[in-house]
Amino acid sequence: QVQLVESRGGLVQAGGSLRLACAASGIIFGIKAMGWYRQAPGKQRELVARMQSSGSTNYADSVKGRFTISMDNAKSTVYLQMNSLKPEDTAVYYCNVQQNLPNSNYWGQGTQVTVSS
């Protein structure tokens, strides 16, 4: 059983920084990719950043240059360093992991990030 445990988000002022972490357990088939998604009230869940096991990354245009995703393969942990936060970054952030197995896609419980203006 794959489980994801996310660190607590928080409340931060605009321009501030926050770091999220997500640790996966129960990984059997190796990690294909880990990533972060977010969902703001009344909006669909969207990709924030994703990193494949190869090290390649992709980011939402809205966070490029401000957010950085990294992964510790040995610990099956993914991080999201968020700098220069804006009020529009306010959302529930979800961790995601894909194993090297078809349809092996898992989600964390979500953590609230609130950026005040």
C-alpha atoms as a PDB file:
ATOM      1  CA  GLN A   1       0.000   0.000   0.000  1.00  0.00           C
ATOM      2  CA  VAL A   2       1.537   3.248  -1.167  1.00  0.00           C
ATOM      3  CA  GLN A   3       1.122   6.145   1.246  1.00  0.00           C
ATOM      4  CA  LEU A   4       2.141   9.759   0.909  1.00  0.00           C
ATOM      5  CA  VAL A   5       2.716  12.007   3.888  1.00  0.00           C
ATOM      6  CA  GLU A   6       2.919  15.723   3.202  1.00  0.00           C
ATOM      7  CA  SER A   7       4.415  18.353   5.433  1.00  0.00           C
ATOM      8  CA  ARG A   8       2.176  21.046   6.785  1.00  0.00           C
ATOM      9  CA  GLY A   9       1.650  24.091   4.605  1.00  0.00           C
ATOM     10  CA  GLY A  10       0.907  27.380   6.229  1.00  0.00           C
ATOM     11  CA  LEU A  11       0.161  31.047   6.073  1.00  0.00           C
ATOM     12  CA  VAL A  12       2.793  33.312   4.578  1.00  0.00           C
ATOM     13  CA  GLN A  13       2.888  36.907   3.439  1.00  0.00           C
ATOM     14  CA  ALA A  14       3.245  37.780  -0.206  1.00  0.00           C
ATOM     15  CA  GLY A  15       6.875  37.703  -1.229  1.00  0.00           C
ATOM     16  CA  GLY A  16       7.678  35.079   1.361  1.00  0.00           C
ATOM     17  CA  SER A  17       8.876  31.511   0.997  1.00  0.00           C
ATOM     18  CA  LEU A  18       7.654  28.104   2.005  1.00  0.00           C
ATOM     19  CA  ARG A  19       8.973  24.586   1.515  1.00  0.00           C
ATOM     20  CA  LEU A  20       6.744  21.549   1.168  1.00  0.00           C
ATOM     21  CA  ALA A  21       7.883  17.964   1.530  1.00  0.00           C
ATOM     22  CA  CYS A  22       6.185  14.688   0.698  1.00  0.00           C
ATOM     23  CA  ALA A  23       7.474  11.270   1.706  1.00  0.00           C
ATOM     24  CA  ALA A  24       6.256   8.128  -0.034  1.00  0.00           C
ATOM     25  CA  SER A  25       6.224   4.692   1.531  1.00  0.00           C
ATOM     26  CA  GLY A  26       5.246   1.302   0.191  1.00  0.00           C
ATOM     27  CA  ILE A  27       6.962   1.907  -3.152  1.00  0.00           C
ATOM     28  CA  ILE A  28       7.658  -1.481  -4.709  1.00  0.00           C
ATOM     29  CA  PHE A  29       8.050  -0.906  -8.432  1.00  0.00           C
ATOM     30  CA  GLY A  30      10.289   2.138  -8.318  1.00  0.00           C
ATOM     31  CA  ILE A  31       9.330   5.751  -8.809  1.00  0.00           C
ATOM     32  CA  LYS A  32       8.577   6.956 -12.298  1.00  0.00           C
ATOM     33  CA  ALA A  33       7.751  10.511 -11.280  1.00  0.00           C
ATOM     34  CA  MET A  34       6.721  12.649  -8.340  1.00  0.00           C
ATOM     35  CA  GLY A  35       5.039  15.986  -8.445  1.00  0.00           C
ATOM     36  CA  TRP A  36       2.905  18.683  -6.897  1.00  0.00           C
ATOM     37  CA  TYR A  37      -0.522  19.821  -7.957  1.00  0.00           C
ATOM     38  CA  ARG A  38      -2.779  22.452  -6.459  1.00  0.00           C
ATOM     39  CA  GLN A  39      -6.442  23.290  -6.342  1.00  0.00           C
ATOM     40  CA  ALA A  40      -7.805  26.697  -5.491  1.00  0.00           C
ATOM     41  CA  PRO A  41     -11.447  27.208  -4.473  1.00  0.00           C
ATOM     42  CA  GLY A  42     -13.743  26.931  -7.460  1.00  0.00           C
ATOM     43  CA  LYS A  43     -10.952  25.847  -9.768  1.00  0.00           C
ATOM     44  CA  GLN A  44      -9.729  22.564 -11.181  1.00  0.00           C
ATOM     45  CA  ARG A  45      -6.674  20.833  -9.863  1.00  0.00           C
ATOM     46  CA  GLU A  46      -3.623  21.892 -11.849  1.00  0.00           C
ATOM     47  CA  LEU A  47      -0.035  20.783 -12.213  1.00  0.00           C
ATOM     48  CA  VAL A  48       2.481  22.913 -10.324  1.00  0.00           C
ATOM     49  CA  ALA A  49       5.695  20.976 -10.879  1.00  0.00           C
ATOM     50  CA  ARG A  50       6.680  17.440 -11.740  1.00  0.00           C
ATOM     51  CA  MET A  51       9.982  15.587 -11.734  1.00  0.00           C
ATOM     52  CA  GLN A  52      10.700  12.276 -13.425  1.00  0.00           C
ATOM     53  CA  SER A  53      13.194   9.787 -12.030  1.00  0.00           C
ATOM     54  CA  SER A  54      15.520  10.819 -14.851  1.00  0.00           C
ATOM     55  CA  GLY A  55      15.681  14.274 -13.319  1.00  0.00           C
ATOM     56  CA  SER A  56      13.713  16.046 -15.999  1.00  0.00           C
ATOM     57  CA  THR A  57      11.231  18.579 -14.714  1.00  0.00           C
ATOM     58  CA  ASN A  58       8.280  20.572 -15.906  1.00  0.00           C
ATOM     59  CA  TYR A  59       6.590  23.535 -14.269  1.00  0.00           C
ATOM     60  CA  ALA A  60       3.418  25.493 -14.682  1.00  0.00           C
ATOM     61  CA  ASP A  61       4.149  28.773 -16.418  1.00  0.00           C
ATOM     62  CA  SER A  62       2.775  30.660 -13.436  1.00  0.00           C
ATOM     63  CA  VAL A  63       5.470  29.314 -11.096  1.00  0.00           C
ATOM     64  CA  LYS A  64       8.511  29.189 -13.352  1.00  0.00           C
ATOM     65  CA  GLY A  65      11.431  31.024 -11.810  1.00  0.00           C
ATOM     66  CA  ARG A  66       9.781  31.055  -8.374  1.00  0.00           C
ATOM     67  CA  PHE A  67       9.243  27.396  -7.468  1.00  0.00           C
ATOM     68  CA  THR A  68      11.771  24.572  -7.526  1.00  0.00           C
ATOM     69  CA  ILE A  69      11.018  20.882  -7.322  1.00  0.00           C
ATOM     70  CA  SER A  70      13.597  18.380  -6.102  1.00  0.00           C
ATOM     71  CA  MET A  71      13.587  14.742  -5.197  1.00  0.00           C
ATOM     72  CA  ASP A  72      15.563  12.498  -2.871  1.00  0.00           C
ATOM     73  CA  ASN A  73      15.256   9.093  -4.490  1.00  0.00           C
ATOM     74  CA  ALA A  74      16.833   7.297  -1.558  1.00  0.00           C
ATOM     75  CA  LYS A  75      14.150   8.672   0.743  1.00  0.00           C
ATOM     76  CA  SER A  76      11.337   8.589  -1.838  1.00  0.00           C
ATOM     77  CA  THR A  77      10.712  12.196  -0.930  1.00  0.00           C
ATOM     78  CA  VAL A  78       9.840  15.143  -3.110  1.00  0.00           C
ATOM     79  CA  TYR A  79      10.214  18.783  -2.136  1.00  0.00           C
ATOM     80  CA  LEU A  80       8.737  21.999  -3.446  1.00  0.00           C
ATOM     81  CA  GLN A  81      10.591  25.185  -2.621  1.00  0.00           C
ATOM     82  CA  MET A  82       8.265  28.114  -3.156  1.00  0.00           C
ATOM     83  CA  ASN A  83       9.744  31.602  -3.276  1.00  0.00           C
ATOM     84  CA  SER A  84       8.261  34.996  -4.057  1.00  0.00           C
ATOM     85  CA  LEU A  85       4.842  33.706  -3.164  1.00  0.00           C
ATOM     86  CA  LYS A  86       1.794  35.535  -4.446  1.00  0.00           C
ATOM     87  CA  PRO A  87      -1.791  35.584  -3.191  1.00  0.00           C
ATOM     88  CA  GLU A  88      -2.801  33.674  -6.326  1.00  0.00           C
ATOM     89  CA  ASP A  89      -0.630  30.776  -5.126  1.00  0.00           C
ATOM     90  CA  THR A  90      -3.170  30.188  -2.366  1.00  0.00           C
ATOM     91  CA  ALA A  91      -4.530  26.659  -2.765  1.00  0.00           C
ATOM     92  CA  VAL A  92      -4.506  23.165  -1.394  1.00  0.00           C
ATOM     93  CA  TYR A  93      -1.313  21.508  -2.590  1.00  0.00           C
ATOM     94  CA  TYR A  94      -1.323  17.789  -3.351  1.00  0.00           C
ATOM     95  CA  CYS A  95       1.638  15.465  -3.708  1.00  0.00           C
ATOM     96  CA  ASN A  96       1.515  12.813  -6.430  1.00  0.00           C
ATOM     97  CA  VAL A  97       3.629   9.751  -7.138  1.00  0.00           C
ATOM     98  CA  GLN A  98       3.670   7.381 -10.076  1.00  0.00           C
ATOM     99  CA  GLN A  99       5.360   4.018  -9.882  1.00  0.00           C
ATOM    100  CA  ASN A 100       6.920   2.167 -12.809  1.00  0.00           C
ATOM    101  CA  LEU A 101       3.664   0.326 -13.295  1.00  0.00           C
ATOM    102  CA  PRO A 102       0.652   1.183 -15.455  1.00  0.00           C
ATOM    103  CA  ASN A 103      -2.114   3.045 -13.639  1.00  0.00           C
ATOM    104  CA  SER A 104      -0.022   3.319 -10.491  1.00  0.00           C
ATOM    105  CA  ASN A 105      -0.882   6.856  -9.432  1.00  0.00           C
ATOM    106  CA  TYR A 106      -1.221   8.006  -5.830  1.00  0.00           C
ATOM    107  CA  TRP A 107      -2.168  11.247  -4.070  1.00  0.00           C
ATOM    108  CA  GLY A 108      -1.363  12.818  -0.748  1.00  0.00           C
ATOM    109  CA  GLN A 109      -4.050  14.184   1.538  1.00  0.00           C
ATOM    110  CA  GLY A 110      -3.369  17.781   0.566  1.00  0.00           C
ATOM    111  CA  THR A 111      -1.957  20.684   2.526  1.00  0.00           C
ATOM    112  CA  GLN A 112      -3.236  24.242   2.626  1.00  0.00           C
ATOM    113  CA  VAL A 113      -0.994  27.090   1.543  1.00  0.00           C
ATOM    114  CA  THR A 114      -2.346  30.582   2.084  1.00  0.00           C
ATOM    115  CA  VAL A 115      -0.556  33.691   0.878  1.00  0.00           C
ATOM    116  CA  SER A 116      -1.759  36.968   2.314  1.00  0.00           C
ATOM    117  CA  SER A 117      -1.411  40.259   0.476  1.00  0.00           C
END
